[in-house]
Amino acid sequence: MTVWLESESHEPLRPGRRMSYIEPIVDSLKDVLSPRTRKRLKHALAIVMGIEALIAVRDIGRASIEESLDTAACAARALVRQALTEDEQARRKRNAAE
């Protein structure tokens, strides 16, 4: 893990599928979210939509499968709401400065 994290190459070690689900959804918000916010949201959603998150909730939190899935969905919704809120606040601030 350390070798990969410290590597300059960002080539995936294994094929990932979650970004193929995340990208079209987040990219549909291109008229609402800035490119920087969309990129950050994609990365954040990749964290909560992976098996790693479900394992952590089940193993550490002792949650059921249903609770784990519900928690992941809740986290994803919260990330989207936060991204929308932050971009809206930035837009208002820019408009007020003009």
PDB file of N, CA and C in Angstrom:
ATOM      1  N   MET A   1       0.822  -1.181   0.000  1.00  0.00           N
ATOM      2  CA  MET A   1       0.000   0.000   0.000  1.00  0.00           C
ATOM      3  C   MET A   1       0.871   1.251   0.000  1.00  0.00           C
ATOM      4  N   THR A   2       1.904   1.277   0.812  1.00  0.00           N
ATOM      5  CA  THR A   2       2.783   2.442   0.891  1.00  0.00           C
ATOM      6  C   THR A   2       3.471   2.689  -0.442  1.00  0.00           C
ATOM      7  N   VAL A   3       3.942   1.628  -1.080  1.00  0.00           N
ATOM      8  CA  VAL A   3       4.608   1.768  -2.381  1.00  0.00           C
ATOM      9  C   VAL A   3       3.651   2.394  -3.385  1.00  0.00           C
ATOM     10  N   TRP A   4       2.417   1.932  -3.406  1.00  0.00           N
ATOM     11  CA  TRP A   4       1.450   2.477  -4.359  1.00  0.00           C
ATOM     12  C   TRP A   4       1.120   3.926  -4.031  1.00  0.00           C
ATOM     13  N   LEU A   5       0.906   4.238  -2.765  1.00  0.00           N
ATOM     14  CA  LEU A   5       0.557   5.602  -2.377  1.00  0.00           C
ATOM     15  C   LEU A   5       1.674   6.590  -2.691  1.00  0.00           C
ATOM     16  N   GLU A   6       2.925   6.145  -2.578  1.00  0.00           N
ATOM     17  CA  GLU A   6       4.058   7.033  -2.821  1.00  0.00           C
ATOM     18  C   GLU A   6       4.490   7.053  -4.283  1.00  0.00           C
ATOM     19  N   SER A   7       3.869   6.255  -5.104  1.00  0.00           N
ATOM     20  CA  SER A   7       4.205   6.170  -6.520  1.00  0.00           C
ATOM     21  C   SER A   7       3.717   7.405  -7.273  1.00  0.00           C
ATOM     22  N   GLU A   8       4.480   7.822  -8.258  1.00  0.00           N
ATOM     23  CA  GLU A   8       4.075   8.944  -9.103  1.00  0.00           C
ATOM     24  C   GLU A   8       3.036   8.498 -10.135  1.00  0.00           C
ATOM     25  N   SER A   9       3.020   7.238 -10.453  1.00  0.00           N
ATOM     26  CA  SER A   9       2.078   6.702 -11.432  1.00  0.00           C
ATOM     27  C   SER A   9       0.711   6.557 -10.786  1.00  0.00           C
ATOM     28  N   HIS A  10      -0.295   6.912 -11.532  1.00  0.00           N
ATOM     29  CA  HIS A  10      -1.654   6.761 -11.030  1.00  0.00           C
ATOM     30  C   HIS A  10      -2.411   5.715 -11.834  1.00  0.00           C
ATOM     31  N   GLU A  11      -1.667   4.779 -12.374  1.00  0.00           N
ATOM     32  CA  GLU A  11      -2.295   3.691 -13.112  1.00  0.00           C
ATOM     33  C   GLU A  11      -2.985   2.757 -12.119  1.00  0.00           C
ATOM     34  N   PRO A  12      -4.228   2.393 -12.389  1.00  0.00           N
ATOM     35  CA  PRO A  12      -4.922   1.503 -11.464  1.00  0.00           C
ATOM     36  C   PRO A  12      -4.264   0.126 -11.419  1.00  0.00           C
ATOM     37  N   LEU A  13      -4.205  -0.448 -10.229  1.00  0.00           N
ATOM     38  CA  LEU A  13      -3.649  -1.783 -10.070  1.00  0.00           C
ATOM     39  C   LEU A  13      -4.634  -2.849 -10.515  1.00  0.00           C
ATOM     40  N   ARG A  14      -5.890  -2.529 -10.484  1.00  0.00           N
ATOM     41  CA  ARG A  14      -6.928  -3.460 -10.909  1.00  0.00           C
ATOM     42  C   ARG A  14      -8.046  -2.650 -11.547  1.00  0.00           C
ATOM     43  N   PRO A  15      -8.791  -3.276 -12.420  1.00  0.00           N
ATOM     44  CA  PRO A  15      -9.864  -2.508 -13.064  1.00  0.00           C
ATOM     45  C   PRO A  15     -10.923  -2.112 -12.044  1.00  0.00           C
ATOM     46  N   GLY A  16     -11.343  -0.886 -12.120  1.00  0.00           N
ATOM     47  CA  GLY A  16     -12.380  -0.410 -11.217  1.00  0.00           C
ATOM     48  C   GLY A  16     -13.654  -0.150 -11.991  1.00  0.00           C
ATOM     49  N   ARG A  17     -14.756  -0.484 -11.393  1.00  0.00           N
ATOM     50  CA  ARG A  17     -16.026  -0.267 -12.072  1.00  0.00           C
ATOM     51  C   ARG A  17     -16.818   0.882 -11.468  1.00  0.00           C
ATOM     52  N   ARG A  18     -16.523   1.231 -10.227  1.00  0.00           N
ATOM     53  CA  ARG A  18     -17.378   2.212  -9.564  1.00  0.00           C
ATOM     54  C   ARG A  18     -17.367   3.567 -10.260  1.00  0.00           C
ATOM     55  N   MET A  19     -16.235   3.962 -10.857  1.00  0.00           N
ATOM     56  CA  MET A  19     -16.198   5.265 -11.534  1.00  0.00           C
ATOM     57  C   MET A  19     -17.104   5.273 -12.763  1.00  0.00           C
ATOM     58  N   SER A  20     -17.303   4.115 -13.385  1.00  0.00           N
ATOM     59  CA  SER A  20     -18.207   4.073 -14.543  1.00  0.00           C
ATOM     60  C   SER A  20     -19.655   4.317 -14.116  1.00  0.00           C
ATOM     61  N   TYR A  21     -19.961   4.086 -12.846  1.00  0.00           N
ATOM     62  CA  TYR A  21     -21.292   4.394 -12.318  1.00  0.00           C
ATOM     63  C   TYR A  21     -21.365   5.840 -11.837  1.00  0.00           C
ATOM     64  N   ILE A  22     -20.289   6.286 -11.203  1.00  0.00           N
ATOM     65  CA  ILE A  22     -20.265   7.607 -10.582  1.00  0.00           C
ATOM     66  C   ILE A  22     -20.170   8.726 -11.615  1.00  0.00           C
ATOM     67  N   GLU A  23     -19.279   8.585 -12.581  1.00  0.00           N
ATOM     68  CA  GLU A  23     -19.007   9.685 -13.515  1.00  0.00           C
ATOM     69  C   GLU A  23     -20.234  10.181 -14.271  1.00  0.00           C
ATOM     70  N   PRO A  24     -21.062   9.318 -14.867  1.00  0.00           N
ATOM     71  CA  PRO A  24     -22.229   9.850 -15.586  1.00  0.00           C
ATOM     72  C   PRO A  24     -23.195  10.616 -14.688  1.00  0.00           C
ATOM     73  N   ILE A  25     -23.333  10.157 -13.457  1.00  0.00           N
ATOM     74  CA  ILE A  25     -24.250  10.831 -12.530  1.00  0.00           C
ATOM     75  C   ILE A  25     -23.718  12.214 -12.173  1.00  0.00           C
ATOM     76  N   VAL A  26     -22.442  12.268 -11.782  1.00  0.00           N
ATOM     77  CA  VAL A  26     -21.861  13.552 -11.388  1.00  0.00           C
ATOM     78  C   VAL A  26     -21.731  14.477 -12.603  1.00  0.00           C
ATOM     79  N   ASP A  27     -21.367  13.923 -13.758  1.00  0.00           N
ATOM     80  CA  ASP A  27     -21.234  14.753 -14.952  1.00  0.00           C
ATOM     81  C   ASP A  27     -22.569  15.343 -15.393  1.00  0.00           C
ATOM     82  N   SER A  28     -23.674  14.725 -14.983  1.00  0.00           N
ATOM     83  CA  SER A  28     -24.991  15.297 -15.319  1.00  0.00           C
ATOM     84  C   SER A  28     -25.230  16.603 -14.557  1.00  0.00           C
ATOM     85  N   LEU A  29     -24.381  16.884 -13.569  1.00  0.00           N
ATOM     86  CA  LEU A  29     -24.491  18.121 -12.795  1.00  0.00           C
ATOM     87  C   LEU A  29     -23.549  19.200 -13.317  1.00  0.00           C
ATOM     88  N   LYS A  30     -23.069  19.057 -14.557  1.00  0.00           N
ATOM     89  CA  LYS A  30     -22.079  20.008 -15.086  1.00  0.00           C
ATOM     90  C   LYS A  30     -22.606  21.432 -15.164  1.00  0.00           C
ATOM     91  N   ASP A  31     -23.908  21.604 -15.278  1.00  0.00           N
ATOM     92  CA  ASP A  31     -24.474  22.961 -15.312  1.00  0.00           C
ATOM     93  C   ASP A  31     -24.669  23.535 -13.906  1.00  0.00           C
ATOM     94  N   VAL A  32     -24.484  22.701 -12.898  1.00  0.00           N
ATOM     95  CA  VAL A  32     -24.721  23.114 -11.516  1.00  0.00           C
ATOM     96  C   VAL A  32     -23.421  23.193 -10.714  1.00  0.00           C
ATOM     97  N   LEU A  33     -22.523  22.251 -10.957  1.00  0.00           N
ATOM     98  CA  LEU A  33     -21.280  22.185 -10.186  1.00  0.00           C
ATOM     99  C   LEU A  33     -20.074  22.552 -11.044  1.00  0.00           C
ATOM    100  N   SER A  34     -19.125  23.201 -10.433  1.00  0.00           N
ATOM    101  CA  SER A  34     -17.887  23.553 -11.125  1.00  0.00           C
ATOM    102  C   SER A  34     -17.083  22.281 -11.417  1.00  0.00           C
ATOM    103  N   PRO A  35     -16.177  22.330 -12.389  1.00  0.00           N
ATOM    104  CA  PRO A  35     -15.346  21.158 -12.681  1.00  0.00           C
ATOM    105  C   PRO A  35     -14.572  20.678 -11.451  1.00  0.00           C
ATOM    106  N   ARG A  36     -14.034  21.596 -10.671  1.00  0.00           N
ATOM    107  CA  ARG A  36     -13.280  21.227  -9.472  1.00  0.00           C
ATOM    108  C   ARG A  36     -14.160  20.493  -8.467  1.00  0.00           C
ATOM    109  N   THR A  37     -15.367  20.985  -8.266  1.00  0.00           N
ATOM    110  CA  THR A  37     -16.292  20.352  -7.323  1.00  0.00           C
ATOM    111  C   THR A  37     -16.736  18.993  -7.830  1.00  0.00           C
ATOM    112  N   ARG A  38     -16.986  18.878  -9.129  1.00  0.00           N
ATOM    113  CA  ARG A  38     -17.376  17.578  -9.688  1.00  0.00           C
ATOM    114  C   ARG A  38     -16.266  16.547  -9.493  1.00  0.00           C
ATOM    115  N   LYS A  39     -15.039  16.952  -9.729  1.00  0.00           N
ATOM    116  CA  LYS A  39     -13.918  16.021  -9.565  1.00  0.00           C
ATOM    117  C   LYS A  39     -13.823  15.563  -8.111  1.00  0.00           C
ATOM    118  N   ARG A  40     -13.913  16.501  -7.180  1.00  0.00           N
ATOM    119  CA  ARG A  40     -13.841  16.170  -5.757  1.00  0.00           C
ATOM    120  C   ARG A  40     -15.010  15.275  -5.350  1.00  0.00           C
ATOM    121  N   LEU A  41     -16.203  15.551  -5.873  1.00  0.00           N
ATOM    122  CA  LEU A  41     -17.372  14.738  -5.555  1.00  0.00           C
ATOM    123  C   LEU A  41     -17.199  13.315  -6.075  1.00  0.00           C
ATOM    124  N   LYS A  42     -16.666  13.173  -7.273  1.00  0.00           N
ATOM    125  CA  LYS A  42     -16.415  11.826  -7.816  1.00  0.00           C
ATOM    126  C   LYS A  42     -15.484  11.052  -6.895  1.00  0.00           C
ATOM    127  N   HIS A  43     -14.426  11.701  -6.452  1.00  0.00           N
ATOM    128  CA  HIS A  43     -13.476  11.032  -5.556  1.00  0.00           C
ATOM    129  C   HIS A  43     -14.138  10.672  -4.232  1.00  0.00           C
ATOM    130  N   ALA A  44     -14.920  11.586  -3.690  1.00  0.00           N
ATOM    131  CA  ALA A  44     -15.584  11.330  -2.405  1.00  0.00           C
ATOM    132  C   ALA A  44     -16.591  10.193  -2.523  1.00  0.00           C
ATOM    133  N   LEU A  45     -17.353  10.183  -3.612  1.00  0.00           N
ATOM    134  CA  LEU A  45     -18.323   9.105  -3.807  1.00  0.00           C
ATOM    135  C   LEU A  45     -17.639   7.761  -3.990  1.00  0.00           C
ATOM    136  N   ALA A  46     -16.458   7.768  -4.605  1.00  0.00           N
ATOM    137  CA  ALA A  46     -15.715   6.520  -4.791  1.00  0.00           C
ATOM    138  C   ALA A  46     -15.357   5.900  -3.441  1.00  0.00           C
ATOM    139  N   ILE A  47     -15.163   6.745  -2.449  1.00  0.00           N
ATOM    140  CA  ILE A  47     -14.838   6.238  -1.113  1.00  0.00           C
ATOM    141  C   ILE A  47     -16.034   5.521  -0.492  1.00  0.00           C
ATOM    142  N   VAL A  48     -17.203   6.126  -0.577  1.00  0.00           N
ATOM    143  CA  VAL A  48     -18.363   5.552   0.112  1.00  0.00           C
ATOM    144  C   VAL A  48     -19.079   4.484  -0.701  1.00  0.00           C
ATOM    145  N   MET A  49     -18.785   4.396  -1.995  1.00  0.00           N
ATOM    146  CA  MET A  49     -19.466   3.417  -2.829  1.00  0.00           C
ATOM    147  C   MET A  49     -18.687   2.119  -2.998  1.00  0.00           C
ATOM    148  N   GLY A  50     -17.554   2.015  -2.358  1.00  0.00           N
ATOM    149  CA  GLY A  50     -16.745   0.819  -2.509  1.00  0.00           C
ATOM    150  C   GLY A  50     -17.031  -0.234  -1.456  1.00  0.00           C
ATOM    151  N   ILE A  51     -16.590  -1.422  -1.761  1.00  0.00           N
ATOM    152  CA  ILE A  51     -16.762  -2.533  -0.828  1.00  0.00           C
ATOM    153  C   ILE A  51     -16.026  -2.264   0.476  1.00  0.00           C
ATOM    154  N   GLU A  52     -14.949  -1.477   0.385  1.00  0.00           N
ATOM    155  CA  GLU A  52     -14.166  -1.181   1.585  1.00  0.00           C
ATOM    156  C   GLU A  52     -15.029  -0.502   2.644  1.00  0.00           C
ATOM    157  N   ALA A  53     -15.852   0.443   2.216  1.00  0.00           N
ATOM    158  CA  ALA A  53     -16.723   1.157   3.154  1.00  0.00           C
ATOM    159  C   ALA A  53     -17.736   0.207   3.787  1.00  0.00           C
ATOM    160  N   LEU A  54     -18.292  -0.678   2.981  1.00  0.00           N
ATOM    161  CA  LEU A  54     -19.271  -1.620   3.518  1.00  0.00           C
ATOM    162  C   LEU A  54     -18.628  -2.584   4.508  1.00  0.00           C
ATOM    163  N   ILE A  55     -17.424  -3.027   4.203  1.00  0.00           N
ATOM    164  CA  ILE A  55     -16.722  -3.918   5.117  1.00  0.00           C
ATOM    165  C   ILE A  55     -16.458  -3.205   6.441  1.00  0.00           C
ATOM    166  N   ALA A  56     -16.030  -1.963   6.368  1.00  0.00           N
ATOM    167  CA  ALA A  56     -15.748  -1.215   7.598  1.00  0.00           C
ATOM    168  C   ALA A  56     -17.002  -1.065   8.451  1.00  0.00           C
ATOM    169  N   VAL A  57     -18.111  -0.732   7.827  1.00  0.00           N
ATOM    170  CA  VAL A  57     -19.347  -0.539   8.589  1.00  0.00           C
ATOM    171  C   VAL A  57     -19.812  -1.863   9.193  1.00  0.00           C
ATOM    172  N   ARG A  58     -19.694  -2.936   8.421  1.00  0.00           N
ATOM    173  CA  ARG A  58     -20.125  -4.243   8.936  1.00  0.00           C
ATOM    174  C   ARG A  58     -19.176  -4.763  10.001  1.00  0.00           C
ATOM    175  N   ASP A  59     -17.884  -4.645   9.755  1.00  0.00           N
ATOM    176  CA  ASP A  59     -16.891  -5.216  10.654  1.00  0.00           C
ATOM    177  C   ASP A  59     -16.725  -4.388  11.925  1.00  0.00           C
ATOM    178  N   ILE A  60     -16.474  -3.115  11.747  1.00  0.00           N
ATOM    179  CA  ILE A  60     -16.216  -2.242  12.894  1.00  0.00           C
ATOM    180  C   ILE A  60     -17.520  -1.826  13.578  1.00  0.00           C
ATOM    181  N   GLY A  61     -18.497  -1.455  12.761  1.00  0.00           N
ATOM    182  CA  GLY A  61     -19.762  -0.981  13.325  1.00  0.00           C
ATOM    183  C   GLY A  61     -20.754  -2.078  13.630  1.00  0.00           C
ATOM    184  N   ARG A  62     -20.433  -3.289  13.215  1.00  0.00           N
ATOM    185  CA  ARG A  62     -21.309  -4.435  13.453  1.00  0.00           C
ATOM    186  C   ARG A  62     -22.718  -4.208  12.891  1.00  0.00           C
ATOM    187  N   ALA A  63     -22.768  -3.552  11.744  1.00  0.00           N
ATOM    188  CA  ALA A  63     -24.050  -3.269  11.100  1.00  0.00           C
ATOM    189  C   ALA A  63     -24.491  -4.458  10.248  1.00  0.00           C
ATOM    190  N   SER A  64     -25.777  -4.552  10.049  1.00  0.00           N
ATOM    191  CA  SER A  64     -26.317  -5.569   9.139  1.00  0.00           C
ATOM    192  C   SER A  64     -26.024  -5.151   7.705  1.00  0.00           C
ATOM    193  N   ILE A  65     -26.272  -6.031   6.774  1.00  0.00           N
ATOM    194  CA  ILE A  65     -26.085  -5.697   5.360  1.00  0.00           C
ATOM    195  C   ILE A  65     -26.999  -4.528   4.988  1.00  0.00           C
ATOM    196  N   GLU A  66     -28.254  -4.607   5.411  1.00  0.00           N
ATOM    197  CA  GLU A  66     -29.206  -3.534   5.109  1.00  0.00           C
ATOM    198  C   GLU A  66     -28.745  -2.203   5.704  1.00  0.00           C
ATOM    199  N   GLU A  67     -28.287  -2.235   6.958  1.00  0.00           N
ATOM    200  CA  GLU A  67     -27.799  -1.009   7.601  1.00  0.00           C
ATOM    201  C   GLU A  67     -26.566  -0.462   6.882  1.00  0.00           C
ATOM    202  N   SER A  68     -25.706  -1.347   6.442  1.00  0.00           N
ATOM    203  CA  SER A  68     -24.495  -0.924   5.738  1.00  0.00           C
ATOM    204  C   SER A  68     -24.835  -0.225   4.429  1.00  0.00           C
ATOM    205  N   LEU A  69     -25.733  -0.823   3.666  1.00  0.00           N
ATOM    206  CA  LEU A  69     -26.140  -0.216   2.400  1.00  0.00           C
ATOM    207  C   LEU A  69     -26.853   1.107   2.622  1.00  0.00           C
ATOM    208  N   ASP A  70     -27.709   1.151   3.635  1.00  0.00           N
ATOM    209  CA  ASP A  70     -28.417   2.388   3.963  1.00  0.00           C
ATOM    210  C   ASP A  70     -27.433   3.488   4.371  1.00  0.00           C
ATOM    211  N   THR A  71     -26.414   3.117   5.137  1.00  0.00           N
ATOM    212  CA  THR A  71     -25.409   4.083   5.577  1.00  0.00           C
ATOM    213  C   THR A  71     -24.616   4.616   4.394  1.00  0.00           C
ATOM    214  N   ALA A  72     -24.231   3.742   3.474  1.00  0.00           N
ATOM    215  CA  ALA A  72     -23.492   4.174   2.282  1.00  0.00           C
ATOM    216  C   ALA A  72     -24.341   5.130   1.441  1.00  0.00           C
ATOM    217  N   ALA A  73     -25.611   4.815   1.271  1.00  0.00           N
ATOM    218  CA  ALA A  73     -26.509   5.685   0.506  1.00  0.00           C
ATOM    219  C   ALA A  73     -26.677   7.030   1.195  1.00  0.00           C
ATOM    220  N   CYS A  74     -26.810   7.015   2.515  1.00  0.00           N
ATOM    221  CA  CYS A  74     -26.931   8.247   3.294  1.00  0.00           C
ATOM    222  C   CYS A  74     -25.679   9.108   3.122  1.00  0.00           C
ATOM    223  N   ALA A  75     -24.517   8.487   3.195  1.00  0.00           N
ATOM    224  CA  ALA A  75     -23.252   9.220   3.034  1.00  0.00           C
ATOM    225  C   ALA A  75     -23.144   9.808   1.632  1.00  0.00           C
ATOM    226  N   ALA A  76     -23.547   9.049   0.619  1.00  0.00           N
ATOM    227  CA  ALA A  76     -23.486   9.543  -0.755  1.00  0.00           C
ATOM    228  C   ALA A  76     -24.405  10.746  -0.936  1.00  0.00           C
ATOM    229  N   ARG A  77     -25.608  10.667  -0.402  1.00  0.00           N
ATOM    230  CA  ARG A  77     -26.543  11.806  -0.496  1.00  0.00           C
ATOM    231  C   ARG A  77     -25.974  13.027   0.216  1.00  0.00           C
ATOM    232  N   ALA A  78     -25.370  12.814   1.368  1.00  0.00           N
ATOM    233  CA  ALA A  78     -24.785  13.932   2.121  1.00  0.00           C
ATOM    234  C   ALA A  78     -23.655  14.581   1.335  1.00  0.00           C
ATOM    235  N   LEU A  79     -22.848  13.786   0.667  1.00  0.00           N
ATOM    236  CA  LEU A  79     -21.756  14.340  -0.140  1.00  0.00           C
ATOM    237  C   LEU A  79     -22.290  15.172  -1.300  1.00  0.00           C
ATOM    238  N   VAL A  80     -23.332  14.686  -1.947  1.00  0.00           N
ATOM    239  CA  VAL A  80     -23.924  15.436  -3.060  1.00  0.00           C
ATOM    240  C   VAL A  80     -24.527  16.739  -2.554  1.00  0.00           C
ATOM    241  N   ARG A  81     -25.277  16.677  -1.453  1.00  0.00           N
ATOM    242  CA  ARG A  81     -25.858  17.903  -0.879  1.00  0.00           C
ATOM    243  C   ARG A  81     -24.778  18.908  -0.517  1.00  0.00           C
ATOM    244  N   GLN A  82     -23.704  18.436   0.081  1.00  0.00           N
ATOM    245  CA  GLN A  82     -22.622  19.331   0.483  1.00  0.00           C
ATOM    246  C   GLN A  82     -21.972  19.979  -0.731  1.00  0.00           C
ATOM    247  N   ALA A  83     -21.739  19.213  -1.773  1.00  0.00           N
ATOM    248  CA  ALA A  83     -21.145  19.771  -2.992  1.00  0.00           C
ATOM    249  C   ALA A  83     -22.056  20.839  -3.592  1.00  0.00           C
ATOM    250  N   LEU A  84     -23.344  20.565  -3.647  1.00  0.00           N
ATOM    251  CA  LEU A  84     -24.296  21.545  -4.179  1.00  0.00           C
ATOM    252  C   LEU A  84     -24.313  22.807  -3.321  1.00  0.00           C
ATOM    253  N   THR A  85     -24.310  22.637  -2.010  1.00  0.00           N
ATOM    254  CA  THR A  85     -24.326  23.782  -1.088  1.00  0.00           C
ATOM    255  C   THR A  85     -23.070  24.623  -1.239  1.00  0.00           C
ATOM    256  N   GLU A  86     -21.914  23.982  -1.269  1.00  0.00           N
ATOM    257  CA  GLU A  86     -20.652  24.723  -1.378  1.00  0.00           C
ATOM    258  C   GLU A  86     -20.563  25.501  -2.683  1.00  0.00           C
ATOM    259  N   ASP A  87     -20.970  24.867  -3.787  1.00  0.00           N
ATOM    260  CA  ASP A  87     -20.905  25.584  -5.067  1.00  0.00           C
ATOM    261  C   ASP A  87     -21.901  26.738  -5.107  1.00  0.00           C
ATOM    262  N   GLU A  88     -23.080  26.547  -4.521  1.00  0.00           N
ATOM    263  CA  GLU A  88     -24.069  27.621  -4.477  1.00  0.00           C
ATOM    264  C   GLU A  88     -23.550  28.783  -3.639  1.00  0.00           C
ATOM    265  N   GLN A  89     -22.927  28.501  -2.513  1.00  0.00           N
ATOM    266  CA  GLN A  89     -22.356  29.554  -1.671  1.00  0.00           C
ATOM    267  C   GLN A  89     -21.245  30.298  -2.405  1.00  0.00           C
ATOM    268  N   ALA A  90     -20.407  29.582  -3.114  1.00  0.00           N
ATOM    269  CA  ALA A  90     -19.323  30.218  -3.880  1.00  0.00           C
ATOM    270  C   ALA A  90     -19.901  31.097  -4.988  1.00  0.00           C
ATOM    271  N   ARG A  91     -20.955  30.622  -5.642  1.00  0.00           N
ATOM    272  CA  ARG A  91     -21.599  31.389  -6.709  1.00  0.00           C
ATOM    273  C   ARG A  91     -22.209  32.674  -6.159  1.00  0.00           C
ATOM    274  N   ARG A  92     -22.864  32.580  -5.013  1.00  0.00           N
ATOM    275  CA  ARG A  92     -23.459  33.776  -4.382  1.00  0.00           C
ATOM    276  C   ARG A  92     -22.372  34.779  -3.991  1.00  0.00           C
ATOM    277  N   LYS A  93     -21.270  34.272  -3.478  1.00  0.00           N
ATOM    278  CA  LYS A  93     -20.171  35.135  -3.069  1.00  0.00           C
ATOM    279  C   LYS A  93     -19.584  35.846  -4.272  1.00  0.00           C
ATOM    280  N   ARG A  94     -19.408  35.145  -5.379  1.00  0.00           N
ATOM    281  CA  ARG A  94     -18.891  35.777  -6.609  1.00  0.00           C
ATOM    282  C   ARG A  94     -19.864  36.831  -7.134  1.00  0.00           C
ATOM    283  N   ASN A  95     -21.151  36.498  -7.118  1.00  0.00           N
ATOM    284  CA  ASN A  95     -22.159  37.443  -7.610  1.00  0.00           C
ATOM    285  C   ASN A  95     -22.228  38.694  -6.729  1.00  0.00           C
ATOM    286  N   ALA A  96     -22.062  38.528  -5.442  1.00  0.00           N
ATOM    287  CA  ALA A  96     -22.108  39.669  -4.523  1.00  0.00           C
ATOM    288  C   ALA A  96     -20.889  40.572  -4.720  1.00  0.00           C
ATOM    289  N   ALA A  97     -19.777  39.981  -5.120  1.00  0.00           N
ATOM    290  CA  ALA A  97     -18.553  40.747  -5.311  1.00  0.00           C
ATOM    291  C   ALA A  97     -18.577  41.523  -6.640  1.00  0.00           C
ATOM    292  N   GLU A  98     -19.443  41.140  -7.538  1.00  0.00           N
ATOM    293  CA  GLU A  98     -19.506  41.811  -8.861  1.00  0.00           C
ATOM    294  C   GLU A  98     -20.243  43.112  -8.815  1.00  0.00           C
TER     295      GLU A  98
END
